[in-house]
């Protein structure tokens, strides 16, 4: 479990470290026949491969991890692990495949109490729609995701969604809407802590200003 905790934190950091932790977790889980963690280690390694630019092999490994995960009978947090596959499809420009995974994951969340990752799934749906040229639909989905993050007090997801919406508004020449939206979230988060999302938010704020 310690290995798993490190691995999840590393997702926002160094892909080389993520791959190393994932491989160690995969070896340990395989030796001890811990099918749940063995499956998730595949997702982690696949994500690391995608970050290194190997989208095809990375996507295949993430899909293998999700299939192994489903075979264990586990359902909770499937939405979180599905985001790895969605982002891989988004990076590769596979819009239809990404949207199919989003909708499957959201449909599953409707049948259980674990809706924690619905805002992130919606944000990724918005990114996929935006990438396909459907800016108006993407904005509506981003705003829906933002509303849910506030209801859930999910500040990390709120920041990530504000970045996505802020970028869309900026491209449309609506910086006056994007700047206060993003600034209000960034100023209340993680004082003294740095991660990729915060750095991205601050860079976008600099550009908008």
Foldseek 3Di string as FASTA:
>chain_A
DVLVVVLVVCLQPQLVVNLVSLVVQLVVCVVVVVQQSVLVSLLSNLLSCVVVPNLVSSLVSLVSSLVSNVVVVDDAPSLVSLVSNLVSCLVVLVLVVSVVSLVVNVVSCVVDVRCPCNLVSLLSNLSSCVSVVNLVVSLVSLVVSLVVCVVVVVLVSNLVSLLSNLVSCVVVVNLVVSQVSNVVSLVPDDVPDDTDSNVSSVVSNVVSD
